[in-house]
C-alpha atoms as a PDB file:
ATOM      1  CA  UNK A   1       0.099   0.088   0.007  1.00  0.00           C
ATOM      2  CA  UNK A   2       1.123   3.650  -0.813  1.00  0.00           C
ATOM      3  CA  UNK A   3       0.729   6.841   0.398  1.00  0.00           C
ATOM      4  CA  UNK A   4      -1.103   9.470  -1.993  1.00  0.00           C
ATOM      5  CA  UNK A   5       1.023  12.696  -2.662  1.00  0.00           C
ATOM      6  CA  UNK A   6       0.361  16.026  -1.422  1.00  0.00           C
ATOM      7  CA  UNK A   7      -2.678  17.295  -3.344  1.00  0.00           C
ATOM      8  CA  UNK A   8      -4.417  13.890  -3.758  1.00  0.00           C
ATOM      9  CA  UNK A   9      -6.223  12.027  -0.921  1.00  0.00           C
ATOM     10  CA  UNK A  10      -6.414   7.970  -0.792  1.00  0.00           C
ATOM     11  CA  UNK A  11      -9.831   6.477  -1.920  1.00  0.00           C
ATOM     12  CA  UNK A  12     -10.228   3.353   0.472  1.00  0.00           C
ATOM     13  CA  UNK A  13     -13.418   2.303  -1.447  1.00  0.00           C
ATOM     14  CA  UNK A  14     -11.569  -0.346  -3.636  1.00  0.00           C
ATOM     15  CA  UNK A  15     -12.659  -3.488  -3.233  1.00  0.00           C
ATOM     16  CA  UNK A  16      -9.359  -4.662  -3.085  1.00  0.00           C
ATOM     17  CA  UNK A  17      -7.216  -3.665  -0.443  1.00  0.00           C
ATOM     18  CA  UNK A  18      -3.942  -4.281  -1.927  1.00  0.00           C
ATOM     19  CA  UNK A  19      -4.395  -1.171  -4.374  1.00  0.00           C
ATOM     20  CA  UNK A  20      -4.115   2.500  -3.344  1.00  0.00           C
ATOM     21  CA  UNK A  21      -6.505   4.990  -5.244  1.00  0.00           C
ATOM     22  CA  UNK A  22      -4.870   8.491  -5.184  1.00  0.00           C
ATOM     23  CA  UNK A  23      -7.821  11.078  -6.245  1.00  0.00           C
ATOM     24  CA  UNK A  24      -6.680  14.425  -6.937  1.00  0.00           C
ATOM     25  CA  UNK A  25      -8.006  17.010  -4.863  1.00  0.00           C
ATOM     26  CA  UNK A  26     -10.155  20.231  -5.851  1.00  0.00           C
ATOM     27  CA  UNK A  27      -7.803  23.235  -6.999  1.00  0.00           C
ATOM     28  CA  UNK A  28      -8.959  25.190  -3.925  1.00  0.00           C
ATOM     29  CA  UNK A  29      -7.179  22.738  -1.656  1.00  0.00           C
ATOM     30  CA  UNK A  30      -3.618  22.443  -0.668  1.00  0.00           C
ATOM     31  CA  UNK A  31      -4.231  18.926   1.041  1.00  0.00           C
ATOM     32  CA  UNK A  32      -8.009  17.142   1.318  1.00  0.00           C
ATOM     33  CA  UNK A  33      -9.017  13.998   2.947  1.00  0.00           C
ATOM     34  CA  UNK A  34     -11.684  11.544   2.490  1.00  0.00           C
ATOM     35  CA  UNK A  35     -13.394  13.750  -0.496  1.00  0.00           C
ATOM     36  CA  UNK A  36     -12.208  16.029  -3.014  1.00  0.00           C
ATOM     37  CA  UNK A  37     -13.809  18.861  -1.637  1.00  0.00           C
ATOM     38  CA  UNK A  38     -13.077  18.314   2.295  1.00  0.00           C
ATOM     39  CA  UNK A  39      -9.691  20.374   2.806  1.00  0.00           C
ATOM     40  CA  UNK A  40      -7.258  20.184   5.061  1.00  0.00           C
ATOM     41  CA  UNK A  41      -5.389  23.250   4.110  1.00  0.00           C
ATOM     42  CA  UNK A  42      -6.418  25.302   1.476  1.00  0.00           C
ATOM     43  CA  UNK A  43      -3.818  26.662  -1.707  1.00  0.00           C
ATOM     44  CA  UNK A  44      -2.721  30.511  -1.289  1.00  0.00           C
ATOM     45  CA  UNK A  45      -5.201  33.162  -1.358  1.00  0.00           C
ATOM     46  CA  UNK A  46      -8.165  30.852   0.052  1.00  0.00           C
ATOM     47  CA  UNK A  47      -9.803  31.312   3.342  1.00  0.00           C
ATOM     48  CA  UNK A  48     -10.988  28.236   5.257  1.00  0.00           C
ATOM     49  CA  UNK A  49     -14.306  27.784   6.088  1.00  0.00           C
ATOM     50  CA  UNK A  50     -16.162  25.602   8.431  1.00  0.00           C
ATOM     51  CA  UNK A  51     -12.913  23.582   9.102  1.00  0.00           C
ATOM     52  CA  UNK A  52     -13.525  22.070   5.685  1.00  0.00           C
ATOM     53  CA  UNK A  53     -13.935  24.199   2.622  1.00  0.00           C
ATOM     54  CA  UNK A  54     -11.784  26.847   0.782  1.00  0.00           C
ATOM     55  CA  UNK A  55     -13.300  29.727  -0.546  1.00  0.00           C
ATOM     56  CA  UNK A  56     -11.818  33.021  -2.221  1.00  0.00           C
ATOM     57  CA  UNK A  57     -14.187  35.056   0.113  1.00  0.00           C
ATOM     58  CA  UNK A  58     -15.890  34.589   3.402  1.00  0.00           C
ATOM     59  CA  UNK A  59     -19.706  34.701   3.073  1.00  0.00           C
ATOM     60  CA  UNK A  60     -22.006  36.364   4.989  1.00  0.00           C
ATOM     61  CA  UNK A  61     -22.221  36.084   8.643  1.00  0.00           C
ATOM     62  CA  UNK A  62     -18.153  35.752   8.368  1.00  0.00           C
ATOM     63  CA  UNK A  63     -15.333  38.128   8.552  1.00  0.00           C
ATOM     64  CA  UNK A  64     -12.161  37.115   6.735  1.00  0.00           C
ATOM     65  CA  UNK A  65      -8.922  36.888   8.828  1.00  0.00           C
ATOM     66  CA  UNK A  66      -6.090  37.354   6.615  1.00  0.00           C
ATOM     67  CA  UNK A  67      -3.502  36.515   9.192  1.00  0.00           C
ATOM     68  CA  UNK A  68      -4.959  32.499   9.115  1.00  0.00           C
ATOM     69  CA  UNK A  69      -6.841  32.766   6.218  1.00  0.00           C
ATOM     70  CA  UNK A  70      -9.822  31.623   8.206  1.00  0.00           C
ATOM     71  CA  UNK A  71     -13.744  32.589   7.904  1.00  0.00           C
ATOM     72  CA  UNK A  72     -14.136  33.860  11.580  1.00  0.00           C
ATOM     73  CA  UNK A  73     -17.557  33.892  12.519  1.00  0.00           C
ATOM     74  CA  UNK A  74     -18.851  37.509  13.290  1.00  0.00           C
ATOM     75  CA  UNK A  75     -21.553  37.770  15.917  1.00  0.00           C
ATOM     76  CA  UNK A  76     -23.190  41.234  16.757  1.00  0.00           C
ATOM     77  CA  UNK A  77     -25.187  39.605  19.362  1.00  0.00           C
ATOM     78  CA  UNK A  78     -23.902  38.424  22.598  1.00  0.00           C
ATOM     79  CA  UNK A  79     -24.558  34.364  22.203  1.00  0.00           C
ATOM     80  CA  UNK A  80     -26.914  34.380  25.392  1.00  0.00           C
ATOM     81  CA  UNK A  81     -28.262  36.932  27.743  1.00  0.00           C
ATOM     82  CA  UNK A  82     -25.795  37.906  30.590  1.00  0.00           C
ATOM     83  CA  UNK A  83     -28.432  39.165  33.322  1.00  0.00           C
ATOM     84  CA  UNK A  84     -32.187  40.473  33.961  1.00  0.00           C
ATOM     85  CA  UNK A  85     -33.506  43.546  32.074  1.00  0.00           C
END
């Protein structure tokens, strides 16, 4: 059994386990696992979104964090009431 190169993921669904099928990751993924678009690491200039996807911009309600290249959830409201009115 071999290990797939960077930019490919190992498809273990083949009935014969003596063979390894390496499948190309999505172009937005530098590395991926378990499927073409389940990214572990994004290519340069892409934001990691929901710990899985890589996008060129972050959708609402997320902010683009250009330090870590991730989509940070922005919350304008506190997640719960901190006291009585």
